[in-house]
Amino acid sequence: MSNGEIDKDKDVYKIRFSEVLSITKPIESVQAQLVKECSKKFQWPFYLKTEKRNFELYAPSELERQIWMAGFDYLLKCGKAIKKILSERDAK
């Protein structure tokens, strides 16, 4: 199985961390529409954008959505910093 595909034996979609590009909240008008269509327990949407696909994820509260988004932002910034350090090291 290659990256970014469903493992049919496990019913899991695998994404390489390096494929994750950004994490964002929908604009208010879109969020209002999404909340009408989603689960009653998970009404706080956010988007995870990857190189190959965009994911619409939901949290059970605004605080938890903020935590998820802050966590992804932190990991994305760390990943970029590590790539820069490695490329500078390799250039020496």
N, C-alpha and C. Protein backbone atom coordinates (compact mmCIF):
# COMPACT_ATOMS: atom_id res chain seq x y z
N MET A 1 0.83 -1.18 0.00
CA MET A 1 0.00 0.00 0.00
C MET A 1 0.88 1.24 0.00
N SER A 2 0.61 2.18 -0.88
CA SER A 2 1.36 3.43 -0.91
C SER A 2 0.75 4.44 0.06
N ASN A 3 1.48 5.50 0.34
CA ASN A 3 0.99 6.52 1.26
C ASN A 3 -0.22 7.23 0.69
N GLY A 4 -1.10 7.68 1.58
CA GLY A 4 -2.28 8.42 1.16
C GLY A 4 -3.37 7.55 0.58
N GLU A 5 -3.37 6.27 0.91
CA GLU A 5 -4.40 5.37 0.42
C GLU A 5 -5.02 4.60 1.56
N ILE A 6 -6.20 4.05 1.30
CA ILE A 6 -6.90 3.28 2.32
C ILE A 6 -6.33 1.87 2.37
N ASP A 7 -6.01 1.43 3.58
CA ASP A 7 -5.61 0.05 3.82
C ASP A 7 -6.89 -0.74 4.04
N LYS A 8 -7.37 -1.42 3.01
CA LYS A 8 -8.66 -2.09 3.07
C LYS A 8 -8.72 -3.16 4.16
N ASP A 9 -7.58 -3.77 4.49
CA ASP A 9 -7.57 -4.78 5.55
C ASP A 9 -7.83 -4.16 6.93
N LYS A 10 -7.43 -2.91 7.11
CA LYS A 10 -7.57 -2.26 8.41
C LYS A 10 -8.60 -1.14 8.41
N ASP A 11 -9.13 -0.77 7.25
CA ASP A 11 -10.09 0.32 7.11
C ASP A 11 -9.53 1.61 7.69
N VAL A 12 -8.28 1.90 7.33
CA VAL A 12 -7.57 3.08 7.82
C VAL A 12 -7.00 3.85 6.65
N TYR A 13 -7.12 5.18 6.69
CA TYR A 13 -6.52 6.02 5.67
C TYR A 13 -5.21 6.55 6.22
N LYS A 14 -4.10 6.21 5.59
CA LYS A 14 -2.78 6.60 6.07
C LYS A 14 -2.28 7.83 5.33
N ILE A 15 -1.78 8.81 6.09
CA ILE A 15 -1.24 10.04 5.54
C ILE A 15 0.14 10.26 6.13
N ARG A 16 1.12 10.51 5.29
CA ARG A 16 2.45 10.85 5.80
C ARG A 16 2.40 12.26 6.37
N PHE A 17 3.07 12.46 7.49
CA PHE A 17 3.06 13.78 8.11
C PHE A 17 3.59 14.85 7.15
N SER A 18 4.55 14.48 6.33
CA SER A 18 5.13 15.45 5.39
C SER A 18 4.11 15.91 4.34
N GLU A 19 2.99 15.21 4.20
CA GLU A 19 1.96 15.60 3.25
C GLU A 19 0.99 16.64 3.81
N VAL A 20 1.00 16.84 5.13
CA VAL A 20 0.09 17.80 5.76
C VAL A 20 0.59 19.21 5.47
N LEU A 21 -0.28 20.05 4.92
CA LEU A 21 0.10 21.41 4.53
C LEU A 21 -0.41 22.48 5.49
N SER A 22 -1.65 22.33 5.96
CA SER A 22 -2.21 23.37 6.83
C SER A 22 -3.42 22.86 7.59
N ILE A 23 -3.79 23.65 8.59
CA ILE A 23 -4.98 23.39 9.38
C ILE A 23 -5.71 24.73 9.51
N THR A 24 -7.01 24.76 9.19
CA THR A 24 -7.75 26.03 9.22
C THR A 24 -9.18 25.81 9.72
N LYS A 25 -9.80 26.91 10.14
CA LYS A 25 -11.22 26.90 10.50
C LYS A 25 -12.01 27.37 9.28
N PRO A 26 -13.23 26.91 9.12
CA PRO A 26 -14.07 27.43 8.04
C PRO A 26 -14.52 28.85 8.37
N ILE A 27 -14.86 29.61 7.34
CA ILE A 27 -15.42 30.94 7.60
C ILE A 27 -16.78 30.76 8.27
N GLU A 28 -17.25 31.80 8.96
CA GLU A 28 -18.46 31.68 9.79
C GLU A 28 -19.68 31.20 9.02
N SER A 29 -19.90 31.70 7.82
CA SER A 29 -21.09 31.29 7.06
C SER A 29 -21.02 29.82 6.68
N VAL A 30 -19.84 29.34 6.34
CA VAL A 30 -19.66 27.92 6.01
C VAL A 30 -19.82 27.08 7.26
N GLN A 31 -19.24 27.55 8.36
CA GLN A 31 -19.36 26.81 9.62
C GLN A 31 -20.82 26.64 10.01
N ALA A 32 -21.62 27.68 9.85
CA ALA A 32 -23.04 27.61 10.20
C ALA A 32 -23.74 26.52 9.40
N GLN A 33 -23.39 26.39 8.13
CA GLN A 33 -23.99 25.36 7.28
C GLN A 33 -23.50 23.97 7.69
N LEU A 34 -22.20 23.84 7.97
CA LEU A 34 -21.65 22.55 8.37
C LEU A 34 -22.27 22.06 9.67
N VAL A 35 -22.48 22.96 10.61
CA VAL A 35 -23.06 22.59 11.91
C VAL A 35 -24.47 22.03 11.72
N LYS A 36 -25.21 22.53 10.75
CA LYS A 36 -26.55 22.02 10.48
C LYS A 36 -26.51 20.57 9.99
N GLU A 37 -25.41 20.18 9.34
CA GLU A 37 -25.33 18.88 8.69
C GLU A 37 -24.52 17.85 9.48
N CYS A 38 -23.91 18.25 10.59
CA CYS A 38 -23.00 17.33 11.28
C CYS A 38 -23.65 16.69 12.51
N SER A 39 -22.90 15.85 13.16
CA SER A 39 -23.32 15.18 14.39
C SER A 39 -23.65 16.21 15.47
N LYS A 40 -24.60 15.90 16.31
CA LYS A 40 -24.96 16.81 17.40
C LYS A 40 -23.85 16.90 18.45
N LYS A 41 -23.00 15.87 18.54
CA LYS A 41 -21.92 15.85 19.53
C LYS A 41 -20.64 16.54 19.03
N PHE A 42 -20.45 16.63 17.74
CA PHE A 42 -19.24 17.20 17.17
C PHE A 42 -19.62 18.33 16.22
N GLN A 43 -19.72 19.54 16.76
CA GLN A 43 -20.23 20.67 15.99
C GLN A 43 -19.19 21.76 15.76
N TRP A 44 -17.94 21.45 15.91
CA TRP A 44 -16.88 22.45 15.74
C TRP A 44 -15.94 21.99 14.64
N PRO A 45 -16.20 22.37 13.38
CA PRO A 45 -15.42 21.89 12.24
C PRO A 45 -14.08 22.60 12.08
N PHE A 46 -13.15 21.87 11.48
CA PHE A 46 -11.89 22.45 11.02
C PHE A 46 -11.38 21.60 9.87
N TYR A 47 -10.48 22.19 9.07
CA TYR A 47 -9.98 21.51 7.87
C TYR A 47 -8.51 21.15 8.03
N LEU A 48 -8.18 19.98 7.56
CA LEU A 48 -6.79 19.53 7.48
C LEU A 48 -6.49 19.37 5.99
N LYS A 49 -5.59 20.20 5.48
CA LYS A 49 -5.25 20.18 4.06
C LYS A 49 -3.96 19.39 3.87
N THR A 50 -3.99 18.43 2.94
CA THR A 50 -2.80 17.66 2.61
C THR A 50 -2.48 17.87 1.13
N GLU A 51 -1.37 17.32 0.69
CA GLU A 51 -0.98 17.46 -0.71
C GLU A 51 -2.01 16.83 -1.64
N LYS A 52 -2.63 15.75 -1.21
CA LYS A 52 -3.52 15.00 -2.09
C LYS A 52 -5.00 15.15 -1.79
N ARG A 53 -5.32 15.62 -0.58
CA ARG A 53 -6.72 15.59 -0.18
C ARG A 53 -6.96 16.58 0.96
N ASN A 54 -8.17 17.07 1.07
CA ASN A 54 -8.58 17.92 2.19
C ASN A 54 -9.54 17.14 3.07
N PHE A 55 -9.38 17.29 4.38
CA PHE A 55 -10.22 16.57 5.33
C PHE A 55 -11.03 17.57 6.15
N GLU A 56 -12.28 17.23 6.39
CA GLU A 56 -13.16 18.02 7.23
C GLU A 56 -13.28 17.26 8.54
N LEU A 57 -12.74 17.84 9.61
CA LEU A 57 -12.74 17.19 10.91
C LEU A 57 -13.63 17.97 11.87
N TYR A 58 -14.09 17.30 12.92
CA TYR A 58 -14.98 17.93 13.89
C TYR A 58 -14.53 17.64 15.31
N ALA A 59 -14.69 18.63 16.18
CA ALA A 59 -14.39 18.49 17.60
C ALA A 59 -15.68 18.68 18.39
N PRO A 60 -15.72 18.18 19.63
CA PRO A 60 -16.94 18.31 20.42
C PRO A 60 -17.13 19.67 21.09
N SER A 61 -16.09 20.51 21.06
CA SER A 61 -16.21 21.84 21.67
C SER A 61 -15.25 22.81 20.97
N GLU A 62 -15.50 24.11 21.14
CA GLU A 62 -14.61 25.11 20.57
C GLU A 62 -13.22 24.99 21.19
N LEU A 63 -13.14 24.74 22.49
CA LEU A 63 -11.84 24.59 23.15
C LEU A 63 -11.05 23.41 22.56
N GLU A 64 -11.73 22.29 22.37
CA GLU A 64 -11.02 21.13 21.82
C GLU A 64 -10.58 21.39 20.38
N ARG A 65 -11.41 22.10 19.60
CA ARG A 65 -10.99 22.46 18.24
C ARG A 65 -9.74 23.32 18.30
N GLN A 66 -9.71 24.30 19.21
CA GLN A 66 -8.53 25.15 19.36
C GLN A 66 -7.30 24.33 19.75
N ILE A 67 -7.49 23.35 20.61
CA ILE A 67 -6.38 22.50 21.03
C ILE A 67 -5.85 21.69 19.85
N TRP A 68 -6.75 21.07 19.08
CA TRP A 68 -6.33 20.30 17.91
C TRP A 68 -5.59 21.18 16.91
N MET A 69 -6.16 22.34 16.63
CA MET A 69 -5.55 23.23 15.65
C MET A 69 -4.19 23.74 16.13
N ALA A 70 -4.08 24.09 17.41
CA ALA A 70 -2.80 24.55 17.96
C ALA A 70 -1.76 23.44 17.90
N GLY A 71 -2.19 22.22 18.19
CA GLY A 71 -1.28 21.07 18.12
C GLY A 71 -0.76 20.84 16.71
N PHE A 72 -1.66 20.88 15.74
CA PHE A 72 -1.23 20.72 14.35
C PHE A 72 -0.33 21.86 13.91
N ASP A 73 -0.69 23.11 14.27
CA ASP A 73 0.16 24.25 13.93
C ASP A 73 1.56 24.08 14.49
N TYR A 74 1.65 23.67 15.74
CA TYR A 74 2.94 23.47 16.38
C TYR A 74 3.76 22.41 15.65
N LEU A 75 3.13 21.28 15.36
CA LEU A 75 3.83 20.20 14.66
C LEU A 75 4.28 20.62 13.26
N LEU A 76 3.43 21.37 12.55
CA LEU A 76 3.79 21.84 11.21
C LEU A 76 4.99 22.78 11.27
N LYS A 77 4.99 23.71 12.23
CA LYS A 77 6.11 24.64 12.37
C LYS A 77 7.38 23.90 12.77
N CYS A 78 7.27 22.94 13.66
CA CYS A 78 8.45 22.14 14.06
C CYS A 78 8.99 21.35 12.87
N GLY A 79 8.09 20.76 12.10
CA GLY A 79 8.51 19.99 10.93
C GLY A 79 9.26 20.85 9.93
N LYS A 80 8.77 22.07 9.69
CA LYS A 80 9.45 22.97 8.76
C LYS A 80 10.82 23.37 9.30
N ALA A 81 10.91 23.62 10.60
CA ALA A 81 12.19 24.00 11.20
C ALA A 81 13.19 22.85 11.11
N ILE A 82 12.72 21.64 11.35
CA ILE A 82 13.60 20.48 11.28
C ILE A 82 14.10 20.27 9.85
N LYS A 83 13.21 20.41 8.87
CA LYS A 83 13.62 20.28 7.47
C LYS A 83 14.68 21.31 7.12
N LYS A 84 14.51 22.54 7.59
CA LYS A 84 15.49 23.59 7.32
C LYS A 84 16.83 23.25 7.95
N ILE A 85 16.82 22.81 9.19
CA ILE A 85 18.06 22.43 9.89
C ILE A 85 18.77 21.31 9.14
N LEU A 86 18.02 20.31 8.73
CA LEU A 86 18.62 19.16 8.02
C LEU A 86 19.19 19.58 6.68
N SER A 87 18.47 20.44 5.95
CA SER A 87 18.98 20.87 4.64
C SER A 87 20.22 21.73 4.80
N GLU A 88 20.27 22.58 5.84
CA GLU A 88 21.47 23.39 6.08
C GLU A 88 22.64 22.51 6.48
N ARG A 89 22.37 21.49 7.28
CA ARG A 89 23.42 20.56 7.70
C ARG A 89 23.97 19.78 6.50
N ASP A 90 23.08 19.36 5.63
CA ASP A 90 23.47 18.59 4.45
C ASP A 90 24.25 19.45 3.47
N ALA A 91 24.00 20.76 3.46
CA ALA A 91 24.68 21.66 2.53
C ALA A 91 26.13 21.91 2.93
N LYS A 92 26.46 21.62 4.18
CA LYS A 92 27.84 21.86 4.67
C LYS A 92 28.79 20.80 4.19
